[in-house]
Amino acid sequence: VRLRESRGGVVTSGGSLTPPCTASGDSVDNFCMGWFRPIPWKERERVANIDGDGRPLYRESVKGRFTISQDHAENALYFQMSRLVPEDTAMYYCAGRRRSGGDCFGEYVWGQGTQVTVSS
């Protein structure tokens, strides 16, 4: 699978963005998908993901503000980011690893990232 993020951008605090991650070469339904961002003391932290049973999971700091969803028809992963704050500023990466029987396994496949910048 190949993953490609788009439509990051610059917004003011309180604004919204919905960057998509489009997949090619395989179906997103065959992968456990998620959004990640880099942090100083760790390569990347998970912001939100869909687990092997299809449940959305969120980092505490984005609960109630961000929504992750998967679109079978578009073969894409979406990330509705609302009530953005400057602390959300980061490069956001879409990633997926193989899914089978409710389990996620293998190495992550990564997109190239899309920059989200929130000004105060």
Protein backbone atom coordinates (compact mmCIF):
# COMPACT_ATOMS: atom_id res chain seq x y z
CA VAL A 1 0.00 0.00 0.00
CA ARG A 2 1.07 3.58 -0.63
CA LEU A 3 -0.30 6.38 1.52
CA ARG A 4 -0.54 10.06 0.66
CA GLU A 5 -1.69 12.84 2.97
CA SER A 6 -2.90 16.20 1.72
CA ARG A 7 -4.70 19.39 2.70
CA GLY A 8 -2.85 20.34 5.81
CA GLY A 9 -2.50 24.09 6.16
CA VAL A 10 -2.43 27.15 8.38
CA VAL A 11 -5.42 28.04 10.54
CA THR A 12 -6.05 30.35 13.47
CA SER A 13 -6.75 28.99 16.92
CA GLY A 14 -10.25 27.51 17.09
CA GLY A 15 -10.26 26.63 13.40
CA SER A 16 -10.69 23.29 11.67
CA LEU A 17 -8.96 21.13 9.08
CA THR A 18 -9.81 17.73 7.59
CA PRO A 19 -6.72 16.29 5.91
CA PRO A 20 -7.37 13.08 3.98
CA CYS A 21 -4.97 10.18 3.59
CA THR A 22 -5.58 8.37 0.32
CA ALA A 23 -4.38 4.82 -0.22
CA SER A 24 -3.35 3.06 -3.41
CA GLY A 25 -2.18 -0.44 -4.14
CA ASP A 26 -4.34 -2.03 -1.46
CA SER A 27 -7.52 -1.38 0.52
CA VAL A 28 -7.43 0.57 3.78
CA ASP A 29 -9.78 -2.11 5.08
CA ASN A 30 -6.79 -4.49 5.16
CA PHE A 31 -4.89 -2.19 7.52
CA CYS A 32 -5.06 -0.78 11.02
CA MET A 33 -4.76 2.92 10.25
CA GLY A 34 -3.74 5.89 12.31
CA TRP A 35 -2.42 9.44 12.47
CA PHE A 36 0.89 10.23 14.15
CA ARG A 37 3.03 13.30 14.85
CA PRO A 38 6.65 13.68 15.95
CA ILE A 39 7.58 14.73 19.48
CA PRO A 40 11.07 15.68 20.76
CA TRP A 41 11.74 12.66 23.00
CA LYS A 42 10.14 10.03 20.80
CA GLU A 43 10.20 9.50 17.08
CA ARG A 44 6.42 9.80 16.64
CA GLU A 45 3.42 9.62 18.93
CA ARG A 46 0.08 8.16 18.04
CA VAL A 47 -2.62 10.85 17.91
CA ALA A 48 -5.55 8.67 16.83
CA ASN A 49 -5.99 5.24 15.30
CA ILE A 50 -8.54 2.63 14.34
CA ASP A 51 -7.80 -0.69 15.97
CA GLY A 52 -8.18 -4.18 14.56
CA ASP A 53 -11.84 -4.32 15.58
CA GLY A 54 -12.59 -0.99 13.88
CA ARG A 55 -12.75 1.07 17.06
CA PRO A 56 -11.40 4.62 17.02
CA LEU A 57 -8.89 5.42 19.76
CA TYR A 58 -7.61 8.90 20.65
CA ARG A 59 -4.81 10.52 22.55
CA GLU A 60 -6.25 12.27 25.62
CA SER A 61 -5.27 15.74 24.41
CA VAL A 62 -7.41 15.45 21.25
CA LYS A 63 -10.45 13.62 22.57
CA GLY A 64 -13.64 15.48 21.73
CA ARG A 65 -11.84 17.64 19.16
CA PHE A 66 -10.52 15.21 16.54
CA THR A 67 -12.37 12.42 14.75
CA ILE A 68 -10.71 9.63 12.77
CA SER A 69 -12.72 7.74 10.17
CA GLN A 70 -12.16 5.37 7.31
CA ASP A 71 -13.96 5.51 3.94
CA HIS A 72 -14.10 2.23 2.04
CA ALA A 73 -15.52 3.77 -1.16
CA GLU A 74 -12.83 6.47 -1.30
CA ASN A 75 -10.14 4.10 0.02
CA ALA A 76 -9.08 6.83 2.40
CA LEU A 77 -8.55 7.71 6.04
CA TYR A 78 -9.93 11.04 7.25
CA PHE A 79 -8.99 13.19 10.21
CA GLN A 80 -11.47 15.86 11.25
CA MET A 81 -9.51 18.29 13.39
CA SER A 82 -11.62 20.92 15.12
CA ARG A 83 -11.05 23.51 17.84
CA LEU A 84 -7.40 23.52 16.90
CA VAL A 85 -4.90 25.13 19.28
CA PRO A 86 -1.27 26.17 18.71
CA GLU A 87 -0.09 23.06 20.57
CA ASP A 88 -1.56 20.96 17.74
CA THR A 89 1.01 22.43 15.33
CA ALA A 90 2.99 19.54 13.83
CA MET A 91 3.67 17.45 10.77
CA TYR A 92 0.94 14.78 10.75
CA TYR A 93 1.65 11.37 9.27
CA CYS A 94 -0.83 8.76 8.14
CA ALA A 95 0.31 5.18 8.70
CA GLY A 96 -1.03 1.67 8.51
CA ARG A 97 -0.03 -1.88 9.33
CA ARG A 98 -1.58 -5.17 8.33
CA ARG A 99 -4.88 -6.18 9.90
CA SER A 100 -6.23 -9.72 10.16
CA GLY A 101 -8.82 -11.29 12.42
CA GLY A 102 -9.00 -8.28 14.69
CA ASP A 103 -5.21 -8.08 15.15
CA CYS A 104 -2.73 -5.53 13.85
CA PHE A 105 0.78 -6.68 12.99
CA GLY A 106 3.90 -5.96 10.99
CA GLU A 107 5.76 -2.76 10.27
CA TYR A 108 4.00 0.51 9.67
CA VAL A 109 3.77 1.92 6.16
CA TRP A 110 4.03 5.72 6.28
CA GLY A 111 2.84 8.60 4.19
CA GLN A 112 5.04 11.63 3.54
CA GLY A 113 3.21 13.82 6.06
CA THR A 114 1.19 17.01 5.90
CA GLN A 115 1.96 20.14 7.91
CA VAL A 116 -0.68 21.61 10.22
CA THR A 117 0.10 25.02 11.69
CA VAL A 118 -2.18 26.72 14.19
CA SER A 119 -1.57 30.39 14.92
CA SER A 120 -2.74 32.06 18.10
